[in-house]
Amino acid sequence: MYVHIGKDMVINSDEIIAIFNIEALEKKKKLEEVCKELKISDKIIDVSDNNRKTLIICGKESYIKKGYITNISSATIAKRCNSNNNINKI
C-alpha cells in the first residue's frame, strides 16, 4: 500500500525502513550528519515546505535507497503505515 507524505507525494509503505522525528533526532545529531552517515545526503527529497518534521528512510532488504523530509508528524506517518498494513491483512 501507499502512504501520503505531503504535497502530492506518496511512497510504498513496504519500502519504509525507518521514520524519525526530526526535532528529536537533531537533539542528538544534526540532520545533515545523520544523512551523511546513512549515505543518503544526495538522495533526499524534501516535501516539507520549510517545516521539517519527519525524516522517512526508504529501501529494500537493508539497502537504503533514499530519504524523504516531510511536514507531517512522525506519529501521523506511522499511523498511516499501520492502517495500510491492517488493510493488507484483511
PDB file of N, CA and C in Angstrom:
ATOM      1  N   MET A   1       0.843  -1.182   0.000  1.00  0.00           N
ATOM      2  CA  MET A   1       0.000   0.000   0.000  1.00  0.00           C
ATOM      3  C   MET A   1       0.891   1.249   0.000  1.00  0.00           C
ATOM      4  N   TYR A   2       0.271   2.345  -0.273  1.00  0.00           N
ATOM      5  CA  TYR A   2       0.998   3.599  -0.373  1.00  0.00           C
ATOM      6  C   TYR A   2       0.590   4.549   0.744  1.00  0.00           C
ATOM      7  N   VAL A   3       1.536   5.405   1.130  1.00  0.00           N
ATOM      8  CA  VAL A   3       1.343   6.356   2.221  1.00  0.00           C
ATOM      9  C   VAL A   3       1.546   7.759   1.670  1.00  0.00           C
ATOM     10  N   HIS A   4       0.582   8.647   1.913  1.00  0.00           N
ATOM     11  CA  HIS A   4       0.713  10.048   1.514  1.00  0.00           C
ATOM     12  C   HIS A   4       1.619  10.742   2.510  1.00  0.00           C
ATOM     13  N   ILE A   5       2.678  11.421   2.021  1.00  0.00           N
ATOM     14  CA  ILE A   5       3.628  12.063   2.920  1.00  0.00           C
ATOM     15  C   ILE A   5       3.672  13.585   2.758  1.00  0.00           C
ATOM     16  N   GLY A   6       2.759  14.142   1.996  1.00  0.00           N
ATOM     17  CA  GLY A   6       2.731  15.587   1.820  1.00  0.00           C
ATOM     18  C   GLY A   6       2.745  15.972   0.359  1.00  0.00           C
ATOM     19  N   LYS A   7       2.295  17.205   0.120  1.00  0.00           N
ATOM     20  CA  LYS A   7       2.125  17.691  -1.250  1.00  0.00           C
ATOM     21  C   LYS A   7       1.371  16.627  -2.038  1.00  0.00           C
ATOM     22  N   ASP A   8       1.859  16.244  -3.176  1.00  0.00           N
ATOM     23  CA  ASP A   8       1.225  15.177  -3.960  1.00  0.00           C
ATOM     24  C   ASP A   8       2.105  13.938  -3.988  1.00  0.00           C
ATOM     25  N   MET A   9       2.862  13.719  -2.919  1.00  0.00           N
ATOM     26  CA  MET A   9       3.830  12.622  -2.871  1.00  0.00           C
ATOM     27  C   MET A   9       3.278  11.450  -2.064  1.00  0.00           C
ATOM     28  N   VAL A  10       3.377  10.262  -2.655  1.00  0.00           N
ATOM     29  CA  VAL A  10       3.045   9.019  -1.957  1.00  0.00           C
ATOM     30  C   VAL A  10       4.226   8.071  -2.109  1.00  0.00           C
ATOM     31  N   ILE A  11       4.432   7.237  -1.074  1.00  0.00           N
ATOM     32  CA  ILE A  11       5.512   6.258  -1.127  1.00  0.00           C
ATOM     33  C   ILE A  11       4.961   4.893  -0.742  1.00  0.00           C
ATOM     34  N   ASN A  12       5.644   3.867  -1.184  1.00  0.00           N
ATOM     35  CA  ASN A  12       5.240   2.498  -0.890  1.00  0.00           C
ATOM     36  C   ASN A  12       5.573   2.183   0.573  1.00  0.00           C
ATOM     37  N   SER A  13       4.575   1.837   1.366  1.00  0.00           N
ATOM     38  CA  SER A  13       4.800   1.570   2.791  1.00  0.00           C
ATOM     39  C   SER A  13       5.697   0.354   3.010  1.00  0.00           C
ATOM     40  N   ASP A  14       5.748  -0.562   2.066  1.00  0.00           N
ATOM     41  CA  ASP A  14       6.605  -1.745   2.189  1.00  0.00           C
ATOM     42  C   ASP A  14       8.089  -1.386   2.121  1.00  0.00           C
ATOM     43  N   GLU A  15       8.408  -0.216   1.581  1.00  0.00           N
ATOM     44  CA  GLU A  15       9.801   0.196   1.438  1.00  0.00           C
ATOM     45  C   GLU A  15      10.287   1.061   2.599  1.00  0.00           C
ATOM     46  N   ILE A  16       9.418   1.408   3.538  1.00  0.00           N
ATOM     47  CA  ILE A  16       9.821   2.254   4.660  1.00  0.00           C
ATOM     48  C   ILE A  16      10.645   1.440   5.639  1.00  0.00           C
ATOM     49  N   ILE A  17      11.867   1.906   5.880  1.00  0.00           N
ATOM     50  CA  ILE A  17      12.770   1.257   6.826  1.00  0.00           C
ATOM     51  C   ILE A  17      12.656   1.911   8.200  1.00  0.00           C
ATOM     52  N   ALA A  18      12.575   3.264   8.217  1.00  0.00           N
ATOM     53  CA  ALA A  18      12.533   3.986   9.492  1.00  0.00           C
ATOM     54  C   ALA A  18      11.811   5.317   9.320  1.00  0.00           C
ATOM     55  N   ILE A  19      11.203   5.762  10.425  1.00  0.00           N
ATOM     56  CA  ILE A  19      10.522   7.050  10.483  1.00  0.00           C
ATOM     57  C   ILE A  19      11.086   7.787  11.697  1.00  0.00           C
ATOM     58  N   PHE A  20      11.695   8.957  11.471  1.00  0.00           N
ATOM     59  CA  PHE A  20      12.327   9.714  12.546  1.00  0.00           C
ATOM     60  C   PHE A  20      11.661  11.065  12.744  1.00  0.00           C
ATOM     61  N   ASN A  21      11.473  11.442  13.994  1.00  0.00           N
ATOM     62  CA  ASN A  21      11.052  12.791  14.343  1.00  0.00           C
ATOM     63  C   ASN A  21      12.300  13.662  14.241  1.00  0.00           C
ATOM     64  N   ILE A  22      12.289  14.642  13.366  1.00  0.00           N
ATOM     65  CA  ILE A  22      13.488  15.444  13.106  1.00  0.00           C
ATOM     66  C   ILE A  22      13.906  16.237  14.339  1.00  0.00           C
ATOM     67  N   GLU A  23      12.964  16.777  15.086  1.00  0.00           N
ATOM     68  CA  GLU A  23      13.303  17.560  16.282  1.00  0.00           C
ATOM     69  C   GLU A  23      14.046  16.686  17.298  1.00  0.00           C
ATOM     70  N   ALA A  24      13.559  15.491  17.543  1.00  0.00           N
ATOM     71  CA  ALA A  24      14.216  14.576  18.477  1.00  0.00           C
ATOM     72  C   ALA A  24      15.573  14.130  17.932  1.00  0.00           C
ATOM     73  N   LEU A  25      15.638  13.900  16.641  1.00  0.00           N
ATOM     74  CA  LEU A  25      16.879  13.474  16.003  1.00  0.00           C
ATOM     75  C   LEU A  25      17.948  14.554  16.127  1.00  0.00           C
ATOM     76  N   GLU A  26      17.563  15.812  15.924  1.00  0.00           N
ATOM     77  CA  GLU A  26      18.522  16.907  15.956  1.00  0.00           C
ATOM     78  C   GLU A  26      18.999  17.236  17.367  1.00  0.00           C
ATOM     79  N   LYS A  27      18.311  16.741  18.387  1.00  0.00           N
ATOM     80  CA  LYS A  27      18.812  16.928  19.755  1.00  0.00           C
ATOM     81  C   LYS A  27      20.091  16.126  19.967  1.00  0.00           C
ATOM     82  N   LYS A  28      20.235  15.032  19.239  1.00  0.00           N
ATOM     83  CA  LYS A  28      21.421  14.188  19.365  1.00  0.00           C
ATOM     84  C   LYS A  28      22.470  14.507  18.306  1.00  0.00           C
ATOM     85  N   LYS A  29      22.036  14.697  17.089  1.00  0.00           N
ATOM     86  CA  LYS A  29      22.936  14.973  15.966  1.00  0.00           C
ATOM     87  C   LYS A  29      22.233  15.869  14.974  1.00  0.00           C
ATOM     88  N   LYS A  30      23.027  16.544  14.169  1.00  0.00           N
ATOM     89  CA  LYS A  30      22.436  17.338  13.107  1.00  0.00           C
ATOM     90  C   LYS A  30      21.897  16.425  12.019  1.00  0.00           C
ATOM     91  N   LEU A  31      20.791  16.820  11.434  1.00  0.00           N
ATOM     92  CA  LEU A  31      20.150  16.031  10.387  1.00  0.00           C
ATOM     93  C   LEU A  31      21.117  15.751   9.234  1.00  0.00           C
ATOM     94  N   GLU A  32      21.905  16.741   8.872  1.00  0.00           N
ATOM     95  CA  GLU A  32      22.840  16.576   7.767  1.00  0.00           C
ATOM     96  C   GLU A  32      23.866  15.482   8.062  1.00  0.00           C
ATOM     97  N   GLU A  33      24.322  15.410   9.326  1.00  0.00           N
ATOM     98  CA  GLU A  33      25.280  14.372   9.709  1.00  0.00           C
ATOM     99  C   GLU A  33      24.654  12.979   9.625  1.00  0.00           C
ATOM    100  N   VAL A  34      23.415  12.873  10.064  1.00  0.00           N
ATOM    101  CA  VAL A  34      22.716  11.594  10.002  1.00  0.00           C
ATOM    102  C   VAL A  34      22.581  11.141   8.556  1.00  0.00           C
ATOM    103  N   CYS A  35      22.193  12.054   7.689  1.00  0.00           N
ATOM    104  CA  CYS A  35      22.029  11.718   6.269  1.00  0.00           C
ATOM    105  C   CYS A  35      23.349  11.308   5.637  1.00  0.00           C
ATOM    106  N   LYS A  36      24.443  11.959   6.031  1.00  0.00           N
ATOM    107  CA  LYS A  36      25.757  11.565   5.515  1.00  0.00           C
ATOM    108  C   LYS A  36      26.120  10.162   5.984  1.00  0.00           C
ATOM    109  N   GLU A  37      25.870   9.878   7.274  1.00  0.00           N
ATOM    110  CA  GLU A  37      26.185   8.552   7.799  1.00  0.00           C
ATOM    111  C   GLU A  37      25.368   7.456   7.117  1.00  0.00           C
ATOM    112  N   LEU A  38      24.128   7.773   6.766  1.00  0.00           N
ATOM    113  CA  LEU A  38      23.271   6.805   6.081  1.00  0.00           C
ATOM    114  C   LEU A  38      23.549   6.758   4.575  1.00  0.00           C
ATOM    115  N   LYS A  39      24.432   7.628   4.123  1.00  0.00           N
ATOM    116  CA  LYS A  39      24.811   7.725   2.710  1.00  0.00           C
ATOM    117  C   LYS A  39      23.612   8.045   1.816  1.00  0.00           C
ATOM    118  N   ILE A  40      22.768   8.972   2.316  1.00  0.00           N
ATOM    119  CA  ILE A  40      21.619   9.398   1.512  1.00  0.00           C
ATOM    120  C   ILE A  40      21.604  10.907   1.309  1.00  0.00           C
ATOM    121  N   SER A  41      22.706  11.589   1.613  1.00  0.00           N
ATOM    122  CA  SER A  41      22.748  13.046   1.517  1.00  0.00           C
ATOM    123  C   SER A  41      22.294  13.548   0.152  1.00  0.00           C
ATOM    124  N   ASP A  42      22.678  12.845  -0.879  1.00  0.00           N
ATOM    125  CA  ASP A  42      22.321  13.269  -2.232  1.00  0.00           C
ATOM    126  C   ASP A  42      21.028  12.626  -2.718  1.00  0.00           C
ATOM    127  N   LYS A  43      20.359  11.890  -1.836  1.00  0.00           N
ATOM    128  CA  LYS A  43      19.130  11.190  -2.217  1.00  0.00           C
ATOM    129  C   LYS A  43      17.951  11.605  -1.348  1.00  0.00           C
ATOM    130  N   ILE A  44      17.947  12.849  -0.884  1.00  0.00           N
ATOM    131  CA  ILE A  44      16.874  13.351  -0.027  1.00  0.00           C
ATOM    132  C   ILE A  44      15.862  14.115  -0.884  1.00  0.00           C
ATOM    133  N   ILE A  45      14.605  13.791  -0.691  1.00  0.00           N
ATOM    134  CA  ILE A  45      13.525  14.524  -1.347  1.00  0.00           C
ATOM    135  C   ILE A  45      12.782  15.285  -0.250  1.00  0.00           C
ATOM    136  N   ASP A  46      12.779  16.596  -0.350  1.00  0.00           N
ATOM    137  CA  ASP A  46      12.167  17.445   0.682  1.00  0.00           C
ATOM    138  C   ASP A  46      10.818  17.955   0.190  1.00  0.00           C
ATOM    139  N   VAL A  47       9.744  17.504   0.847  1.00  0.00           N
ATOM    140  CA  VAL A  47       8.388  17.962   0.509  1.00  0.00           C
ATOM    141  C   VAL A  47       7.777  18.705   1.700  1.00  0.00           C
ATOM    142  N   SER A  48       8.643  19.292   2.541  1.00  0.00           N
ATOM    143  CA  SER A  48       8.193  19.870   3.807  1.00  0.00           C
ATOM    144  C   SER A  48       7.772  21.333   3.746  1.00  0.00           C
ATOM    145  N   ASP A  49       8.009  22.014   2.648  1.00  0.00           N
ATOM    146  CA  ASP A  49       7.728  23.449   2.563  1.00  0.00           C
ATOM    147  C   ASP A  49       8.382  24.215   3.717  1.00  0.00           C
ATOM    148  N   ASN A  50       9.643  23.885   3.994  1.00  0.00           N
ATOM    149  CA  ASN A  50      10.439  24.530   5.051  1.00  0.00           C
ATOM    150  C   ASN A  50       9.847  24.385   6.442  1.00  0.00           C
ATOM    151  N   ASN A  51       9.108  23.308   6.685  1.00  0.00           N
ATOM    152  CA  ASN A  51       8.556  22.988   8.002  1.00  0.00           C
ATOM    153  C   ASN A  51       8.882  21.530   8.296  1.00  0.00           C
ATOM    154  N   ARG A  52      10.172  21.248   8.442  1.00  0.00           N
ATOM    155  CA  ARG A  52      10.655  19.866   8.553  1.00  0.00           C
ATOM    156  C   ARG A  52      10.240  19.235   9.880  1.00  0.00           C
ATOM    157  N   LYS A  53       9.498  18.128   9.800  1.00  0.00           N
ATOM    158  CA  LYS A  53       9.073  17.418  10.999  1.00  0.00           C
ATOM    159  C   LYS A  53       9.545  15.968  11.021  1.00  0.00           C
ATOM    160  N   THR A  54       9.564  15.329   9.852  1.00  0.00           N
ATOM    161  CA  THR A  54       9.827  13.891   9.812  1.00  0.00           C
ATOM    162  C   THR A  54      10.803  13.530   8.699  1.00  0.00           C
ATOM    163  N   LEU A  55      11.715  12.608   9.036  1.00  0.00           N
ATOM    164  CA  LEU A  55      12.610  12.012   8.048  1.00  0.00           C
ATOM    165  C   LEU A  55      12.180  10.564   7.873  1.00  0.00           C
ATOM    166  N   ILE A  56      11.881  10.182   6.644  1.00  0.00           N
ATOM    167  CA  ILE A  56      11.472   8.819   6.325  1.00  0.00           C
ATOM    168  C   ILE A  56      12.582   8.196   5.483  1.00  0.00           C
ATOM    169  N   ILE A  57      13.092   7.055   5.935  1.00  0.00           N
ATOM    170  CA  ILE A  57      14.143   6.335   5.219  1.00  0.00           C
ATOM    171  C   ILE A  57      13.495   5.168   4.487  1.00  0.00           C
ATOM    172  N   CYS A  58      13.750   5.067   3.188  1.00  0.00           N
ATOM    173  CA  CYS A  58      13.155   4.005   2.368  1.00  0.00           C
ATOM    174  C   CYS A  58      14.234   3.168   1.688  1.00  0.00           C
ATOM    175  N   GLY A  59      13.894   1.908   1.467  1.00  0.00           N
ATOM    176  CA  GLY A  59      14.787   0.987   0.784  1.00  0.00           C
ATOM    177  C   GLY A  59      14.165  -0.386   0.759  1.00  0.00           C
ATOM    178  N   LYS A  60      14.960  -1.356   0.387  1.00  0.00           N
ATOM    179  CA  LYS A  60      14.511  -2.755   0.364  1.00  0.00           C
ATOM    180  C   LYS A  60      15.639  -3.636   0.862  1.00  0.00           C
ATOM    181  N   GLU A  61      15.273  -4.588   1.719  1.00  0.00           N
ATOM    182  CA  GLU A  61      16.220  -5.592   2.207  1.00  0.00           C
ATOM    183  C   GLU A  61      17.523  -4.968   2.699  1.00  0.00           C
ATOM    184  N   SER A  62      17.429  -4.038   3.622  1.00  0.00           N
ATOM    185  CA  SER A  62      18.577  -3.364   4.253  1.00  0.00           C
ATOM    186  C   SER A  62      19.362  -2.478   3.295  1.00  0.00           C
ATOM    187  N   TYR A  63      18.869  -2.243   2.109  1.00  0.00           N
ATOM    188  CA  TYR A  63      19.525  -1.349   1.164  1.00  0.00           C
ATOM    189  C   TYR A  63      18.766  -0.025   1.166  1.00  0.00           C
ATOM    190  N   ILE A  64      19.403   1.021   1.646  1.00  0.00           N
ATOM    191  CA  ILE A  64      18.760   2.329   1.722  1.00  0.00           C
ATOM    192  C   ILE A  64      18.826   2.988   0.353  1.00  0.00           C
ATOM    193  N   LYS A  65      17.659   3.336  -0.180  1.00  0.00           N
ATOM    194  CA  LYS A  65      17.590   3.962  -1.497  1.00  0.00           C
ATOM    195  C   LYS A  65      17.506   5.475  -1.407  1.00  0.00           C
ATOM    196  N   LYS A  66      16.667   5.995  -0.485  1.00  0.00           N
ATOM    197  CA  LYS A  66      16.505   7.448  -0.399  1.00  0.00           C
ATOM    198  C   LYS A  66      15.798   7.826   0.884  1.00  0.00           C
ATOM    199  N   GLY A  67      15.750   9.118   1.121  1.00  0.00           N
ATOM    200  CA  GLY A  67      15.065   9.643   2.290  1.00  0.00           C
ATOM    201  C   GLY A  67      14.100  10.729   1.881  1.00  0.00           C
ATOM    202  N   TYR A  68      13.079  10.912   2.674  1.00  0.00           N
ATOM    203  CA  TYR A  68      12.079  11.954   2.432  1.00  0.00           C
ATOM    204  C   TYR A  68      11.950  12.804   3.688  1.00  0.00           C
ATOM    205  N   ILE A  69      11.888  14.107   3.512  1.00  0.00           N
ATOM    206  CA  ILE A  69      11.612  15.017   4.612  1.00  0.00           C
ATOM    207  C   ILE A  69      10.233  15.605   4.367  1.00  0.00           C
ATOM    208  N   THR A  70       9.383  15.520   5.395  1.00  0.00           N
ATOM    209  CA  THR A  70       8.006  15.967   5.256  1.00  0.00           C
ATOM    210  C   THR A  70       7.585  16.839   6.438  1.00  0.00           C
ATOM    211  N   ASN A  71       6.533  17.588   6.245  1.00  0.00           N
ATOM    212  CA  ASN A  71       5.997  18.431   7.316  1.00  0.00           C
ATOM    213  C   ASN A  71       4.890  17.720   8.091  1.00  0.00           C
ATOM    214  N   ILE A  72       4.663  16.461   7.811  1.00  0.00           N
ATOM    215  CA  ILE A  72       3.678  15.662   8.539  1.00  0.00           C
ATOM    216  C   ILE A  72       4.403  14.984   9.698  1.00  0.00           C
ATOM    217  N   SER A  73       3.778  14.940  10.867  1.00  0.00           N
ATOM    218  CA  SER A  73       4.433  14.386  12.052  1.00  0.00           C
ATOM    219  C   SER A  73       4.755  12.901  11.871  1.00  0.00           C
ATOM    220  N   SER A  74       5.781  12.472  12.586  1.00  0.00           N
ATOM    221  CA  SER A  74       6.186  11.066  12.514  1.00  0.00           C
ATOM    222  C   SER A  74       5.081  10.148  13.036  1.00  0.00           C
ATOM    223  N   ALA A  75       4.320  10.614  14.037  1.00  0.00           N
ATOM    224  CA  ALA A  75       3.213   9.807  14.572  1.00  0.00           C
ATOM    225  C   ALA A  75       2.132   9.596  13.517  1.00  0.00           C
ATOM    226  N   THR A  76       1.832  10.622  12.761  1.00  0.00           N
ATOM    227  CA  THR A  76       0.808  10.518  11.708  1.00  0.00           C
ATOM    228  C   THR A  76       1.274   9.592  10.597  1.00  0.00           C
ATOM    229  N   ILE A  77       2.534   9.715  10.200  1.00  0.00           N
ATOM    230  CA  ILE A  77       3.070   8.823   9.165  1.00  0.00           C
ATOM    231  C   ILE A  77       3.007   7.377   9.651  1.00  0.00           C
ATOM    232  N   ALA A  78       3.386   7.139  10.901  1.00  0.00           N
ATOM    233  CA  ALA A  78       3.345   5.781  11.456  1.00  0.00           C
ATOM    234  C   ALA A  78       1.920   5.241  11.472  1.00  0.00           C
ATOM    235  N   LYS A  79       0.959   6.068  11.844  1.00  0.00           N
ATOM    236  CA  LYS A  79      -0.447   5.633  11.851  1.00  0.00           C
ATOM    237  C   LYS A  79      -0.908   5.275  10.447  1.00  0.00           C
ATOM    238  N   ARG A  80      -0.510   6.080   9.478  1.00  0.00           N
ATOM    239  CA  ARG A  80      -0.893   5.786   8.090  1.00  0.00           C
ATOM    240  C   ARG A  80      -0.302   4.463   7.630  1.00  0.00           C
ATOM    241  N   CYS A  81       0.931   4.198   8.020  1.00  0.00           N
ATOM    242  CA  CYS A  81       1.561   2.917   7.659  1.00  0.00           C
ATOM    243  C   CYS A  81       0.841   1.763   8.330  1.00  0.00           C
ATOM    244  N   ASN A  82       0.532   1.920   9.604  1.00  0.00           N
ATOM    245  CA  ASN A  82      -0.146   0.848  10.338  1.00  0.00           C
ATOM    246  C   ASN A  82      -1.546   0.597   9.806  1.00  0.00           C
ATOM    247  N   SER A  83      -2.278   1.646   9.442  1.00  0.00           N
ATOM    248  CA  SER A  83      -3.616   1.432   8.910  1.00  0.00           C
ATOM    249  C   SER A  83      -3.556   0.733   7.553  1.00  0.00           C
ATOM    250  N   ASN A  84      -2.549   1.028   6.766  1.00  0.00           N
ATOM    251  CA  ASN A  84      -2.382   0.343   5.488  1.00  0.00           C
ATOM    252  C   ASN A  84      -2.033  -1.115   5.701  1.00  0.00           C
ATOM    253  N   ASN A  85      -1.208  -1.416   6.706  1.00  0.00           N
ATOM    254  CA  ASN A  85      -0.849  -2.809   6.980  1.00  0.00           C
ATOM    255  C   ASN A  85      -2.051  -3.597   7.441  1.00  0.00           C
ATOM    256  N   ASN A  86      -2.955  -2.975   8.196  1.00  0.00           N
ATOM    257  CA  ASN A  86      -4.176  -3.663   8.634  1.00  0.00           C
ATOM    258  C   ASN A  86      -5.075  -3.975   7.446  1.00  0.00           C
ATOM    259  N   ILE A  87      -5.114  -3.075   6.481  1.00  0.00           N
ATOM    260  CA  ILE A  87      -5.932  -3.308   5.288  1.00  0.00           C
ATOM    261  C   ILE A  87      -5.381  -4.503   4.523  1.00  0.00           C
ATOM    262  N   ASN A  88      -4.043  -4.607   4.463  1.00  0.00           N
ATOM    263  CA  ASN A  88      -3.426  -5.726   3.743  1.00  0.00           C
ATOM    264  C   ASN A  88      -3.732  -7.067   4.392  1.00  0.00           C
ATOM    265  N   LYS A  89      -3.947  -7.097   5.703  1.00  0.00           N
ATOM    266  CA  LYS A  89      -4.163  -8.349   6.407  1.00  0.00           C
ATOM    267  C   LYS A  89      -5.588  -8.868   6.271  1.00  0.00           C
ATOM    268  N   ILE A  90      -6.525  -8.035   5.861  1.00  0.00           N
ATOM    269  CA  ILE A  90      -7.934  -8.450   5.764  1.00  0.00           C
ATOM    270  C   ILE A  90      -8.134  -9.328   4.556  1.00  0.00           C
TER     271      ILE A  90
END
